[in-house]
Amino acid sequence: MTAKPLTLIVAAASSNGAIGRNNDIPWRLRNELGYFHKVTTAAPAHTMNACILGRLCWLSIPPRHRPLASRYNIILTSDPSILDSAAGAAGAAMPPPPFTVTRPSLAAALEHIDELNRGSEVKIDRVFVCGGRGVYAEALGAPGHVQILRTDVRLDEEEAKKCDVFFPEVDQQLFVRQTHERLEQVAGVPVPRGLQTEAGIQYEFQLYEKTPLPLEESRS
């Protein structure tokens, strides 16, 4: 299994952790989506980041936006034909293998990333877990260094109650919120500080980490 940090990236409602409704995102926050794009595509030259998505999460992305461009897409499913249907829907937008693949489990996806970095022309820098709930839950329990890049969305509580998919509960004793400086270090891009307001909704970019960093890294 890869020794790289496993980074969950999610936008979730403050009140109840809502992340989805009717197989869609419960809000339209263009700048927040821009943050997701910038963070998940920021990689050194000659490398790319991997984005791991569950089957339903993959299918919830509009065909014209999948696969996630400039990223190595790994869809967790036991049915590889999901890519055939995606290619039929997206047409020429579907890139050739190996930039979009399926694997049957999170463990298999991480092993695939290790194999790429050991002997492939494709080198993976960061590993992002992009949903949905079941994949997030498994990743939260993974051994080693686990990070959560969370956009904390102050969605109206009544609206949040209408949602039907929720981010798993996080053990606050294991996952500790980090400083804004550490957030920017992990994100790899400048991150707006404090509450942001867009489309009448407030939200804040946050970082939580499970495993303490080595002393020399924590001082960087």
N, C-alpha and C. Protein backbone atom coordinates (compact mmCIF):
# COMPACT_ATOMS: atom_id res chain seq x y z
N MET A 1 0.84 -1.20 0.00
CA MET A 1 0.00 0.00 0.00
C MET A 1 0.87 1.24 0.00
N THR A 2 0.43 2.26 -0.74
CA THR A 2 1.23 3.47 -0.89
C THR A 2 1.51 4.14 0.45
N ALA A 3 2.75 4.64 0.60
CA ALA A 3 3.12 5.35 1.82
C ALA A 3 2.78 6.83 1.72
N LYS A 4 2.28 7.26 0.57
CA LYS A 4 1.91 8.67 0.40
C LYS A 4 0.73 8.99 1.29
N PRO A 5 0.62 10.26 1.76
CA PRO A 5 -0.58 10.65 2.50
C PRO A 5 -1.82 10.42 1.65
N LEU A 6 -2.87 9.97 2.28
CA LEU A 6 -4.16 9.80 1.62
C LEU A 6 -4.98 11.04 1.95
N THR A 7 -5.36 11.81 0.93
CA THR A 7 -6.01 13.09 1.15
C THR A 7 -7.46 13.04 0.70
N LEU A 8 -8.38 13.07 1.67
CA LEU A 8 -9.79 13.18 1.34
C LEU A 8 -10.10 14.63 1.04
N ILE A 9 -10.81 14.91 -0.02
CA ILE A 9 -11.22 16.27 -0.34
C ILE A 9 -12.73 16.28 -0.49
N VAL A 10 -13.39 17.17 0.28
CA VAL A 10 -14.85 17.11 0.38
C VAL A 10 -15.40 18.48 0.72
N ALA A 11 -16.59 18.77 0.24
CA ALA A 11 -17.38 19.91 0.70
C ALA A 11 -18.57 19.34 1.44
N ALA A 12 -18.75 19.74 2.70
CA ALA A 12 -19.80 19.15 3.53
C ALA A 12 -20.46 20.21 4.39
N ALA A 13 -21.75 20.04 4.64
CA ALA A 13 -22.50 20.99 5.46
C ALA A 13 -22.03 20.93 6.91
N SER A 14 -21.94 22.10 7.53
CA SER A 14 -21.48 22.18 8.92
C SER A 14 -22.40 21.42 9.87
N SER A 15 -23.71 21.54 9.66
CA SER A 15 -24.67 21.06 10.65
C SER A 15 -24.76 19.54 10.72
N ASN A 16 -24.70 18.87 9.57
CA ASN A 16 -24.89 17.42 9.58
C ASN A 16 -23.99 16.65 8.61
N GLY A 17 -23.02 17.34 8.01
CA GLY A 17 -22.10 16.66 7.11
C GLY A 17 -22.69 16.30 5.76
N ALA A 18 -23.80 16.93 5.38
CA ALA A 18 -24.43 16.63 4.10
C ALA A 18 -23.48 16.91 2.94
N ILE A 19 -23.44 15.97 1.99
CA ILE A 19 -22.58 16.15 0.82
C ILE A 19 -23.34 15.94 -0.49
N GLY A 20 -24.57 15.43 -0.43
CA GLY A 20 -25.29 15.18 -1.67
C GLY A 20 -26.79 15.11 -1.49
N ARG A 21 -27.49 15.36 -2.59
CA ARG A 21 -28.95 15.23 -2.61
C ARG A 21 -29.38 14.85 -4.03
N ASN A 22 -30.13 13.77 -4.12
CA ASN A 22 -30.61 13.29 -5.42
C ASN A 22 -29.47 13.12 -6.41
N ASN A 23 -28.37 12.53 -5.93
CA ASN A 23 -27.20 12.24 -6.77
C ASN A 23 -26.60 13.51 -7.37
N ASP A 24 -26.64 14.60 -6.62
CA ASP A 24 -26.08 15.87 -7.07
C ASP A 24 -25.52 16.61 -5.86
N ILE A 25 -24.77 17.67 -6.12
CA ILE A 25 -24.23 18.52 -5.06
C ILE A 25 -25.34 19.46 -4.59
N PRO A 26 -25.51 19.67 -3.28
CA PRO A 26 -26.62 20.47 -2.77
C PRO A 26 -26.43 21.98 -2.90
N TRP A 27 -25.39 22.43 -3.55
CA TRP A 27 -25.13 23.86 -3.70
C TRP A 27 -24.37 24.10 -4.99
N ARG A 28 -24.34 25.35 -5.41
CA ARG A 28 -23.59 25.73 -6.61
C ARG A 28 -22.60 26.82 -6.21
N LEU A 29 -21.36 26.42 -5.95
CA LEU A 29 -20.32 27.33 -5.48
C LEU A 29 -19.15 27.25 -6.46
N ARG A 30 -19.15 28.15 -7.43
CA ARG A 30 -18.16 28.08 -8.51
C ARG A 30 -16.74 28.21 -7.98
N ASN A 31 -16.52 29.12 -7.03
CA ASN A 31 -15.16 29.31 -6.51
C ASN A 31 -14.69 28.08 -5.73
N GLU A 32 -15.63 27.42 -5.05
CA GLU A 32 -15.27 26.21 -4.32
C GLU A 32 -14.89 25.10 -5.29
N LEU A 33 -15.62 24.99 -6.39
CA LEU A 33 -15.25 24.01 -7.42
C LEU A 33 -13.89 24.34 -8.03
N GLY A 34 -13.62 25.65 -8.16
CA GLY A 34 -12.32 26.07 -8.66
C GLY A 34 -11.20 25.66 -7.72
N TYR A 35 -11.46 25.75 -6.42
CA TYR A 35 -10.49 25.31 -5.41
C TYR A 35 -10.21 23.82 -5.58
N PHE A 36 -11.27 23.02 -5.74
CA PHE A 36 -11.10 21.58 -5.94
C PHE A 36 -10.23 21.32 -7.16
N HIS A 37 -10.50 22.03 -8.24
CA HIS A 37 -9.74 21.82 -9.47
C HIS A 37 -8.26 22.18 -9.27
N LYS A 38 -8.01 23.34 -8.67
CA LYS A 38 -6.63 23.79 -8.49
C LYS A 38 -5.85 22.84 -7.59
N VAL A 39 -6.46 22.42 -6.49
CA VAL A 39 -5.75 21.55 -5.55
C VAL A 39 -5.46 20.19 -6.17
N THR A 40 -6.45 19.62 -6.84
CA THR A 40 -6.28 18.25 -7.34
C THR A 40 -5.44 18.18 -8.61
N THR A 41 -5.21 19.31 -9.28
CA THR A 41 -4.37 19.30 -10.48
C THR A 41 -2.96 19.81 -10.23
N ALA A 42 -2.70 20.42 -9.07
CA ALA A 42 -1.37 20.97 -8.78
C ALA A 42 -0.38 19.82 -8.53
N ALA A 43 0.54 19.64 -9.46
CA ALA A 43 1.52 18.55 -9.34
C ALA A 43 2.82 18.97 -10.01
N PRO A 44 3.95 18.45 -9.53
CA PRO A 44 5.23 18.76 -10.16
C PRO A 44 5.26 18.30 -11.62
N ALA A 45 6.20 18.85 -12.37
CA ALA A 45 6.36 18.48 -13.78
C ALA A 45 6.57 16.97 -13.91
N HIS A 46 5.98 16.41 -14.96
CA HIS A 46 6.13 14.99 -15.30
C HIS A 46 5.43 14.07 -14.31
N THR A 47 4.54 14.61 -13.49
CA THR A 47 3.72 13.79 -12.61
C THR A 47 2.27 14.24 -12.74
N MET A 48 1.37 13.43 -12.20
CA MET A 48 -0.02 13.85 -12.11
C MET A 48 -0.59 13.29 -10.82
N ASN A 49 -1.67 13.88 -10.35
CA ASN A 49 -2.32 13.40 -9.15
C ASN A 49 -3.38 12.36 -9.50
N ALA A 50 -3.62 11.46 -8.57
CA ALA A 50 -4.68 10.46 -8.73
C ALA A 50 -5.92 10.90 -7.97
N CYS A 51 -7.07 10.75 -8.59
CA CYS A 51 -8.36 10.99 -7.94
C CYS A 51 -9.11 9.67 -7.90
N ILE A 52 -9.43 9.22 -6.69
CA ILE A 52 -10.16 7.97 -6.50
C ILE A 52 -11.62 8.29 -6.23
N LEU A 53 -12.51 7.68 -7.02
CA LEU A 53 -13.93 7.96 -6.91
C LEU A 53 -14.72 6.65 -6.88
N GLY A 54 -15.76 6.61 -6.05
CA GLY A 54 -16.68 5.49 -6.10
C GLY A 54 -17.52 5.54 -7.36
N ARG A 55 -18.19 4.44 -7.66
CA ARG A 55 -18.97 4.33 -8.89
C ARG A 55 -20.05 5.40 -8.98
N LEU A 56 -20.83 5.56 -7.92
CA LEU A 56 -21.92 6.54 -7.97
C LEU A 56 -21.38 7.97 -8.04
N CYS A 57 -20.27 8.21 -7.37
CA CYS A 57 -19.65 9.53 -7.44
C CYS A 57 -19.22 9.83 -8.88
N TRP A 58 -18.62 8.84 -9.53
CA TRP A 58 -18.21 8.99 -10.94
C TRP A 58 -19.42 9.29 -11.83
N LEU A 59 -20.49 8.52 -11.64
CA LEU A 59 -21.67 8.70 -12.49
C LEU A 59 -22.40 10.01 -12.22
N SER A 60 -22.19 10.59 -11.03
CA SER A 60 -22.85 11.86 -10.71
C SER A 60 -22.19 13.04 -11.42
N ILE A 61 -20.98 12.84 -11.93
CA ILE A 61 -20.29 13.91 -12.66
C ILE A 61 -20.90 14.00 -14.06
N PRO A 62 -21.30 15.19 -14.50
CA PRO A 62 -21.84 15.31 -15.86
C PRO A 62 -20.86 14.73 -16.88
N PRO A 63 -21.35 13.98 -17.87
CA PRO A 63 -20.46 13.33 -18.84
C PRO A 63 -19.44 14.26 -19.46
N ARG A 64 -19.83 15.51 -19.69
CA ARG A 64 -18.88 16.43 -20.34
C ARG A 64 -17.72 16.79 -19.43
N HIS A 65 -17.84 16.52 -18.12
CA HIS A 65 -16.78 16.86 -17.17
C HIS A 65 -16.01 15.64 -16.69
N ARG A 66 -16.32 14.47 -17.20
CA ARG A 66 -15.56 13.29 -16.81
C ARG A 66 -14.90 12.66 -18.03
N PRO A 67 -13.72 12.11 -17.82
CA PRO A 67 -12.98 12.04 -16.57
C PRO A 67 -12.47 13.41 -16.14
N LEU A 68 -12.03 13.50 -14.89
CA LEU A 68 -11.45 14.74 -14.38
C LEU A 68 -10.16 15.01 -15.13
N ALA A 69 -10.12 16.12 -15.84
CA ALA A 69 -9.00 16.41 -16.74
C ALA A 69 -7.70 16.61 -15.97
N SER A 70 -6.60 16.22 -16.58
CA SER A 70 -5.24 16.42 -16.04
C SER A 70 -5.04 15.69 -14.72
N ARG A 71 -5.85 14.65 -14.47
CA ARG A 71 -5.72 13.83 -13.28
C ARG A 71 -5.87 12.37 -13.67
N TYR A 72 -5.29 11.49 -12.88
CA TYR A 72 -5.40 10.05 -13.13
C TYR A 72 -6.64 9.56 -12.38
N ASN A 73 -7.67 9.21 -13.11
CA ASN A 73 -8.96 8.82 -12.52
C ASN A 73 -8.98 7.32 -12.23
N ILE A 74 -9.31 6.97 -10.99
CA ILE A 74 -9.49 5.57 -10.62
C ILE A 74 -10.90 5.42 -10.06
N ILE A 75 -11.74 4.64 -10.76
CA ILE A 75 -13.12 4.44 -10.33
C ILE A 75 -13.21 3.10 -9.63
N LEU A 76 -13.76 3.09 -8.42
CA LEU A 76 -13.88 1.86 -7.65
C LEU A 76 -15.16 1.14 -8.05
N THR A 77 -15.01 0.07 -8.81
CA THR A 77 -16.14 -0.72 -9.26
C THR A 77 -15.64 -2.08 -9.72
N SER A 78 -16.49 -3.07 -9.62
CA SER A 78 -16.15 -4.40 -10.14
C SER A 78 -16.61 -4.56 -11.58
N ASP A 79 -17.13 -3.49 -12.17
CA ASP A 79 -17.66 -3.53 -13.54
C ASP A 79 -16.88 -2.57 -14.44
N PRO A 80 -15.80 -3.05 -15.07
CA PRO A 80 -14.99 -2.17 -15.93
C PRO A 80 -15.77 -1.58 -17.10
N SER A 81 -16.92 -2.17 -17.45
CA SER A 81 -17.69 -1.65 -18.59
C SER A 81 -18.26 -0.27 -18.31
N ILE A 82 -18.18 0.18 -17.06
CA ILE A 82 -18.64 1.53 -16.74
C ILE A 82 -17.89 2.56 -17.59
N LEU A 83 -16.65 2.26 -17.96
CA LEU A 83 -15.89 3.18 -18.79
C LEU A 83 -16.37 3.15 -20.23
N ASP A 84 -16.90 2.00 -20.68
CA ASP A 84 -17.45 1.94 -22.03
C ASP A 84 -18.66 2.85 -22.16
N SER A 85 -19.54 2.80 -21.15
CA SER A 85 -20.72 3.65 -21.20
C SER A 85 -20.34 5.11 -21.05
N ALA A 86 -19.30 5.37 -20.23
CA ALA A 86 -18.86 6.76 -20.08
C ALA A 86 -18.28 7.28 -21.38
N ALA A 87 -17.53 6.43 -22.08
CA ALA A 87 -16.95 6.85 -23.35
C ALA A 87 -18.03 7.13 -24.37
N GLY A 88 -19.09 6.29 -24.34
CA GLY A 88 -20.18 6.51 -25.27
C GLY A 88 -20.90 7.81 -25.01
N ALA A 89 -21.00 8.19 -23.72
CA ALA A 89 -21.70 9.43 -23.38
C ALA A 89 -20.82 10.64 -23.63
N ALA A 90 -19.53 10.50 -23.33
CA ALA A 90 -18.65 11.66 -23.41
C ALA A 90 -17.98 11.80 -24.77
N GLY A 91 -18.02 10.74 -25.57
CA GLY A 91 -17.43 10.81 -26.90
C GLY A 91 -15.94 11.05 -26.84
N ALA A 92 -15.47 12.02 -27.61
CA ALA A 92 -14.04 12.29 -27.73
C ALA A 92 -13.44 12.82 -26.45
N ALA A 93 -14.28 13.24 -25.48
CA ALA A 93 -13.76 13.78 -24.23
C ALA A 93 -13.10 12.68 -23.40
N MET A 94 -13.39 11.42 -23.68
CA MET A 94 -12.83 10.32 -22.91
C MET A 94 -11.39 10.09 -23.32
N PRO A 95 -10.43 10.20 -22.39
CA PRO A 95 -9.03 10.02 -22.78
C PRO A 95 -8.70 8.54 -22.94
N PRO A 96 -7.63 8.23 -23.63
CA PRO A 96 -7.24 6.83 -23.76
C PRO A 96 -6.68 6.31 -22.44
N PRO A 97 -6.74 5.00 -22.21
CA PRO A 97 -6.04 4.45 -21.05
C PRO A 97 -4.58 4.84 -21.14
N PRO A 98 -3.80 4.95 -20.05
CA PRO A 98 -4.16 4.49 -18.73
C PRO A 98 -4.65 5.59 -17.79
N PHE A 99 -5.11 6.71 -18.32
CA PHE A 99 -5.44 7.83 -17.44
C PHE A 99 -6.79 7.71 -16.75
N THR A 100 -7.59 6.74 -17.14
CA THR A 100 -8.84 6.44 -16.45
C THR A 100 -8.97 4.92 -16.37
N VAL A 101 -9.02 4.40 -15.15
CA VAL A 101 -9.06 2.95 -14.97
C VAL A 101 -10.08 2.61 -13.88
N THR A 102 -10.43 1.33 -13.80
CA THR A 102 -11.26 0.85 -12.71
C THR A 102 -10.45 -0.10 -11.85
N ARG A 103 -10.78 -0.13 -10.58
CA ARG A 103 -10.23 -1.11 -9.65
C ARG A 103 -11.35 -1.51 -8.69
N PRO A 104 -11.32 -2.75 -8.18
CA PRO A 104 -12.45 -3.25 -7.40
C PRO A 104 -12.52 -2.74 -5.97
N SER A 105 -11.45 -2.13 -5.46
CA SER A 105 -11.44 -1.71 -4.06
C SER A 105 -10.43 -0.58 -3.87
N LEU A 106 -10.54 0.08 -2.72
CA LEU A 106 -9.57 1.12 -2.39
C LEU A 106 -8.17 0.54 -2.27
N ALA A 107 -8.06 -0.62 -1.64
CA ALA A 107 -6.74 -1.26 -1.50
C ALA A 107 -6.14 -1.56 -2.87
N ALA A 108 -6.96 -2.03 -3.80
CA ALA A 108 -6.47 -2.33 -5.15
C ALA A 108 -6.06 -1.05 -5.87
N ALA A 109 -6.78 0.03 -5.63
CA ALA A 109 -6.43 1.32 -6.25
C ALA A 109 -5.08 1.80 -5.75
N LEU A 110 -4.85 1.68 -4.44
CA LEU A 110 -3.58 2.13 -3.88
C LEU A 110 -2.42 1.25 -4.35
N GLU A 111 -2.67 -0.04 -4.49
CA GLU A 111 -1.63 -0.93 -5.02
C GLU A 111 -1.32 -0.58 -6.48
N HIS A 112 -2.34 -0.24 -7.24
CA HIS A 112 -2.13 0.17 -8.63
C HIS A 112 -1.26 1.42 -8.70
N ILE A 113 -1.49 2.36 -7.79
CA ILE A 113 -0.66 3.58 -7.75
C ILE A 113 0.79 3.23 -7.45
N ASP A 114 0.99 2.32 -6.51
CA ASP A 114 2.36 1.86 -6.21
C ASP A 114 3.01 1.25 -7.45
N GLU A 115 2.26 0.44 -8.18
CA GLU A 115 2.79 -0.20 -9.39
C GLU A 115 3.17 0.85 -10.43
N LEU A 116 2.34 1.86 -10.59
CA LEU A 116 2.65 2.93 -11.54
C LEU A 116 3.96 3.61 -11.18
N ASN A 117 4.12 3.93 -9.90
CA ASN A 117 5.31 4.66 -9.47
C ASN A 117 6.57 3.81 -9.50
N ARG A 118 6.39 2.49 -9.46
CA ARG A 118 7.57 1.61 -9.51
C ARG A 118 8.05 1.37 -10.93
N GLY A 119 7.11 1.31 -11.90
CA GLY A 119 7.57 0.88 -13.21
C GLY A 119 6.86 1.44 -14.41
N SER A 120 6.13 2.52 -14.25
CA SER A 120 5.37 3.08 -15.36
C SER A 120 5.90 4.44 -15.75
N GLU A 121 5.59 4.86 -16.97
CA GLU A 121 5.91 6.22 -17.38
C GLU A 121 5.03 7.23 -16.65
N VAL A 122 3.88 6.78 -16.17
CA VAL A 122 2.98 7.65 -15.42
C VAL A 122 3.41 7.64 -13.96
N LYS A 123 3.73 8.80 -13.41
CA LYS A 123 4.13 8.91 -12.02
C LYS A 123 3.08 9.71 -11.26
N ILE A 124 2.63 9.14 -10.14
CA ILE A 124 1.58 9.77 -9.34
C ILE A 124 2.20 10.54 -8.19
N ASP A 125 1.80 11.79 -8.03
CA ASP A 125 2.29 12.61 -6.93
C ASP A 125 1.34 12.50 -5.73
N ARG A 126 0.19 13.15 -5.79
CA ARG A 126 -0.76 13.14 -4.68
C ARG A 126 -1.87 12.12 -4.94
N VAL A 127 -2.46 11.62 -3.85
CA VAL A 127 -3.58 10.68 -3.95
C VAL A 127 -4.78 11.31 -3.24
N PHE A 128 -5.81 11.63 -4.02
CA PHE A 128 -7.02 12.26 -3.49
C PHE A 128 -8.19 11.28 -3.51
N VAL A 129 -8.93 11.25 -2.42
CA VAL A 129 -10.17 10.48 -2.35
C VAL A 129 -11.31 11.48 -2.48
N CYS A 130 -12.13 11.31 -3.51
CA CYS A 130 -13.13 12.32 -3.88
C CYS A 130 -14.56 11.90 -3.61
N GLY A 131 -14.79 10.75 -2.98
CA GLY A 131 -16.14 10.33 -2.64
C GLY A 131 -16.52 9.05 -3.35
N GLY A 132 -17.73 8.54 -3.04
CA GLY A 132 -18.70 9.08 -2.12
C GLY A 132 -18.52 8.59 -0.71
N ARG A 133 -19.65 8.51 0.01
CA ARG A 133 -19.62 8.27 1.44
C ARG A 133 -18.86 6.99 1.80
N GLY A 134 -19.16 5.89 1.13
CA GLY A 134 -18.52 4.63 1.47
C GLY A 134 -17.02 4.66 1.27
N VAL A 135 -16.58 5.30 0.21
CA VAL A 135 -15.14 5.41 -0.06
C VAL A 135 -14.49 6.31 0.98
N TYR A 136 -15.16 7.41 1.32
CA TYR A 136 -14.64 8.28 2.38
C TYR A 136 -14.49 7.50 3.69
N ALA A 137 -15.52 6.72 4.04
CA ALA A 137 -15.50 5.99 5.31
C ALA A 137 -14.32 5.03 5.37
N GLU A 138 -14.09 4.32 4.27
CA GLU A 138 -12.96 3.39 4.24
C GLU A 138 -11.63 4.13 4.34
N ALA A 139 -11.52 5.25 3.63
CA ALA A 139 -10.27 6.01 3.64
C ALA A 139 -9.98 6.60 5.02
N LEU A 140 -11.03 7.01 5.74
CA LEU A 140 -10.83 7.56 7.08
C LEU A 140 -10.18 6.54 8.01
N GLY A 141 -10.45 5.27 7.79
CA GLY A 141 -9.89 4.23 8.63
C GLY A 141 -8.58 3.66 8.13
N ALA A 142 -8.05 4.22 7.06
CA ALA A 142 -6.81 3.70 6.49
C ALA A 142 -5.64 3.95 7.44
N PRO A 143 -4.67 3.05 7.48
CA PRO A 143 -3.49 3.29 8.32
C PRO A 143 -2.63 4.38 7.72
N GLY A 144 -1.74 4.93 8.55
CA GLY A 144 -0.80 5.92 8.03
C GLY A 144 -1.36 7.33 8.07
N HIS A 145 -0.78 8.16 7.24
CA HIS A 145 -1.05 9.60 7.25
C HIS A 145 -2.29 9.89 6.41
N VAL A 146 -3.36 10.33 7.06
CA VAL A 146 -4.61 10.65 6.37
C VAL A 146 -4.96 12.11 6.62
N GLN A 147 -5.30 12.81 5.55
CA GLN A 147 -5.65 14.23 5.63
C GLN A 147 -7.08 14.43 5.12
N ILE A 148 -7.75 15.45 5.65
CA ILE A 148 -9.06 15.84 5.13
C ILE A 148 -9.00 17.31 4.75
N LEU A 149 -9.10 17.58 3.46
CA LEU A 149 -9.29 18.94 2.98
C LEU A 149 -10.80 19.15 2.91
N ARG A 150 -11.33 19.82 3.90
CA ARG A 150 -12.79 19.98 4.02
C ARG A 150 -13.19 21.42 3.75
N THR A 151 -14.16 21.59 2.86
CA THR A 151 -14.84 22.87 2.73
C THR A 151 -16.08 22.79 3.61
N ASP A 152 -16.06 23.56 4.69
CA ASP A 152 -17.15 23.53 5.68
C ASP A 152 -18.22 24.51 5.22
N VAL A 153 -19.34 23.99 4.73
CA VAL A 153 -20.39 24.80 4.11
C VAL A 153 -21.48 25.10 5.13
N ARG A 154 -21.73 26.39 5.36
CA ARG A 154 -22.75 26.80 6.33
C ARG A 154 -24.13 26.80 5.65
N LEU A 155 -24.55 25.63 5.24
CA LEU A 155 -25.84 25.48 4.57
C LEU A 155 -26.96 25.62 5.58
N ASP A 156 -28.06 26.27 5.17
CA ASP A 156 -29.23 26.38 6.03
C ASP A 156 -29.62 24.99 6.56
N GLU A 157 -29.91 24.90 7.85
CA GLU A 157 -30.14 23.60 8.47
C GLU A 157 -31.32 22.87 7.85
N GLU A 158 -32.37 23.59 7.49
CA GLU A 158 -33.52 22.94 6.87
C GLU A 158 -33.14 22.37 5.51
N GLU A 159 -32.33 23.10 4.77
CA GLU A 159 -31.86 22.60 3.47
C GLU A 159 -30.95 21.39 3.67
N ALA A 160 -30.12 21.45 4.71
CA ALA A 160 -29.21 20.34 4.98
C ALA A 160 -29.98 19.06 5.31
N LYS A 161 -31.12 19.21 5.98
CA LYS A 161 -31.92 18.04 6.35
C LYS A 161 -32.53 17.36 5.13
N LYS A 162 -32.65 18.09 4.03
CA LYS A 162 -33.23 17.52 2.81
C LYS A 162 -32.23 16.64 2.05
N CYS A 163 -30.98 16.69 2.46
CA CYS A 163 -29.94 15.93 1.76
C CYS A 163 -30.05 14.44 2.12
N ASP A 164 -29.47 13.60 1.27
CA ASP A 164 -29.58 12.16 1.49
C ASP A 164 -28.24 11.43 1.51
N VAL A 165 -27.14 12.16 1.36
CA VAL A 165 -25.81 11.57 1.47
C VAL A 165 -24.98 12.44 2.41
N PHE A 166 -24.26 11.79 3.33
CA PHE A 166 -23.57 12.53 4.38
C PHE A 166 -22.14 12.03 4.54
N PHE A 167 -21.23 12.96 4.84
CA PHE A 167 -19.84 12.60 5.12
C PHE A 167 -19.82 11.83 6.43
N PRO A 168 -19.01 10.77 6.53
CA PRO A 168 -18.97 9.98 7.76
C PRO A 168 -18.52 10.81 8.96
N GLU A 169 -18.96 10.39 10.12
CA GLU A 169 -18.54 11.08 11.35
C GLU A 169 -17.03 10.91 11.53
N VAL A 170 -16.38 11.99 11.94
CA VAL A 170 -14.93 12.00 12.08
C VAL A 170 -14.57 12.05 13.56
N ASP A 171 -13.66 11.19 13.98
CA ASP A 171 -13.18 11.18 15.36
C ASP A 171 -12.30 12.41 15.57
N GLN A 172 -12.80 13.37 16.34
CA GLN A 172 -12.07 14.62 16.53
C GLN A 172 -10.81 14.45 17.38
N GLN A 173 -10.69 13.32 18.07
CA GLN A 173 -9.45 13.08 18.81
C GLN A 173 -8.35 12.54 17.91
N LEU A 174 -8.75 11.90 16.81
CA LEU A 174 -7.76 11.40 15.86
C LEU A 174 -7.42 12.45 14.81
N PHE A 175 -8.43 13.14 14.32
CA PHE A 175 -8.24 14.13 13.27
C PHE A 175 -8.26 15.53 13.88
N VAL A 176 -7.12 16.19 13.82
CA VAL A 176 -6.95 17.49 14.46
C VAL A 176 -6.93 18.58 13.40
N ARG A 177 -7.70 19.65 13.64
CA ARG A 177 -7.70 20.75 12.69
C ARG A 177 -6.34 21.46 12.72
N GLN A 178 -5.84 21.80 11.52
CA GLN A 178 -4.52 22.41 11.38
C GLN A 178 -4.64 23.91 11.09
N THR A 179 -3.51 24.59 11.15
CA THR A 179 -3.48 26.03 10.91
C THR A 179 -3.71 26.33 9.43
N HIS A 180 -4.02 27.59 9.16
CA HIS A 180 -4.20 28.00 7.77
C HIS A 180 -2.89 27.85 6.99
N GLU A 181 -1.78 28.11 7.64
CA GLU A 181 -0.48 27.96 6.98
C GLU A 181 -0.25 26.50 6.56
N ARG A 182 -0.59 25.58 7.44
CA ARG A 182 -0.45 24.16 7.10
C ARG A 182 -1.44 23.79 5.99
N LEU A 183 -2.64 24.34 6.04
CA LEU A 183 -3.62 24.11 4.98
C LEU A 183 -3.06 24.49 3.61
N GLU A 184 -2.45 25.67 3.53
CA GLU A 184 -1.88 26.09 2.24
C GLU A 184 -0.72 25.20 1.82
N GLN A 185 0.05 24.73 2.80
CA GLN A 185 1.16 23.83 2.49
C GLN A 185 0.65 22.53 1.88
N VAL A 186 -0.40 21.98 2.45
CA VAL A 186 -0.96 20.73 1.95
C VAL A 186 -1.71 20.94 0.64
N ALA A 187 -2.47 22.03 0.55
CA ALA A 187 -3.23 22.30 -0.67
C ALA A 187 -2.31 22.55 -1.87
N GLY A 188 -1.16 23.16 -1.60
CA GLY A 188 -0.22 23.43 -2.68
C GLY A 188 -0.56 24.64 -3.51
N VAL A 189 -1.59 25.38 -3.08
CA VAL A 189 -2.02 26.60 -3.78
C VAL A 189 -2.44 27.61 -2.72
N PRO A 190 -2.47 28.91 -3.05
CA PRO A 190 -3.00 29.90 -2.10
C PRO A 190 -4.47 29.59 -1.78
N VAL A 191 -4.82 29.72 -0.51
CA VAL A 191 -6.19 29.41 -0.07
C VAL A 191 -6.77 30.62 0.65
N PRO A 192 -7.95 31.09 0.26
CA PRO A 192 -8.57 32.21 0.97
C PRO A 192 -8.77 31.88 2.45
N ARG A 193 -8.51 32.85 3.29
CA ARG A 193 -8.60 32.64 4.73
C ARG A 193 -9.98 33.04 5.25
N GLY A 194 -10.50 32.28 6.20
CA GLY A 194 -11.75 32.64 6.87
C GLY A 194 -12.98 32.34 6.03
N LEU A 195 -14.12 32.87 6.50
CA LEU A 195 -15.39 32.61 5.83
C LEU A 195 -15.45 33.28 4.47
N GLN A 196 -15.89 32.53 3.48
CA GLN A 196 -16.14 33.04 2.14
C GLN A 196 -17.65 33.07 1.92
N THR A 197 -18.12 33.98 1.08
CA THR A 197 -19.54 34.04 0.77
C THR A 197 -19.74 33.99 -0.74
N GLU A 198 -20.59 33.07 -1.16
CA GLU A 198 -20.87 32.89 -2.59
C GLU A 198 -22.31 32.40 -2.73
N ALA A 199 -23.06 33.02 -3.62
CA ALA A 199 -24.46 32.63 -3.87
C ALA A 199 -25.26 32.61 -2.57
N GLY A 200 -24.94 33.53 -1.67
CA GLY A 200 -25.67 33.63 -0.41
C GLY A 200 -25.31 32.57 0.61
N ILE A 201 -24.27 31.78 0.35
CA ILE A 201 -23.86 30.71 1.25
C ILE A 201 -22.44 30.98 1.74
N GLN A 202 -22.22 30.83 3.04
CA GLN A 202 -20.89 30.98 3.60
C GLN A 202 -20.20 29.62 3.69
N TYR A 203 -18.89 29.63 3.51
CA TYR A 203 -18.12 28.40 3.65
C TYR A 203 -16.68 28.75 4.02
N GLU A 204 -15.97 27.75 4.54
CA GLU A 204 -14.58 27.95 4.97
C GLU A 204 -13.75 26.74 4.58
N PHE A 205 -12.55 27.00 4.08
CA PHE A 205 -11.62 25.92 3.74
C PHE A 205 -10.86 25.50 4.99
N GLN A 206 -10.81 24.19 5.25
CA GLN A 206 -10.20 23.68 6.47
C GLN A 206 -9.34 22.46 6.15
N LEU A 207 -8.43 22.15 7.08
CA LEU A 207 -7.60 20.94 6.98
C LEU A 207 -7.58 20.22 8.31
N TYR A 208 -7.78 18.90 8.25
CA TYR A 208 -7.64 18.04 9.41
C TYR A 208 -6.63 16.94 9.06
N GLU A 209 -5.82 16.55 10.05
CA GLU A 209 -4.84 15.48 9.82
C GLU A 209 -4.90 14.47 10.96
N LYS A 210 -4.69 13.19 10.58
CA LYS A 210 -4.77 12.12 11.57
C LYS A 210 -3.41 11.78 12.17
N THR A 211 -2.38 11.68 11.36
CA THR A 211 -1.09 11.22 11.85
C THR A 211 -0.16 12.40 12.06
N PRO A 212 0.42 12.56 13.26
CA PRO A 212 1.37 13.65 13.45
C PRO A 212 2.52 13.55 12.46
N LEU A 213 2.97 14.70 11.98
CA LEU A 213 4.09 14.73 11.04
C LEU A 213 5.40 14.49 11.77
N PRO A 214 6.40 13.95 11.07
CA PRO A 214 7.74 13.89 11.66
C PRO A 214 8.19 15.28 12.08
N LEU A 215 9.03 15.35 13.10
CA LEU A 215 9.42 16.64 13.67
C LEU A 215 9.98 17.58 12.63
N GLU A 216 10.84 17.06 11.73
CA GLU A 216 11.46 17.95 10.76
C GLU A 216 10.43 18.51 9.78
N GLU A 217 9.37 17.74 9.45
CA GLU A 217 8.34 18.23 8.55
C GLU A 217 7.45 19.24 9.25
N SER A 218 7.14 18.99 10.52
CA SER A 218 6.22 19.86 11.23
C SER A 218 6.80 21.25 11.40
N ARG A 219 8.12 21.38 11.29
CA ARG A 219 8.76 22.69 11.44
C ARG A 219 8.86 23.42 10.11
N SER A 220 8.54 22.75 9.00
CA SER A 220 8.70 23.36 7.68
C SER A 220 7.55 24.31 7.36
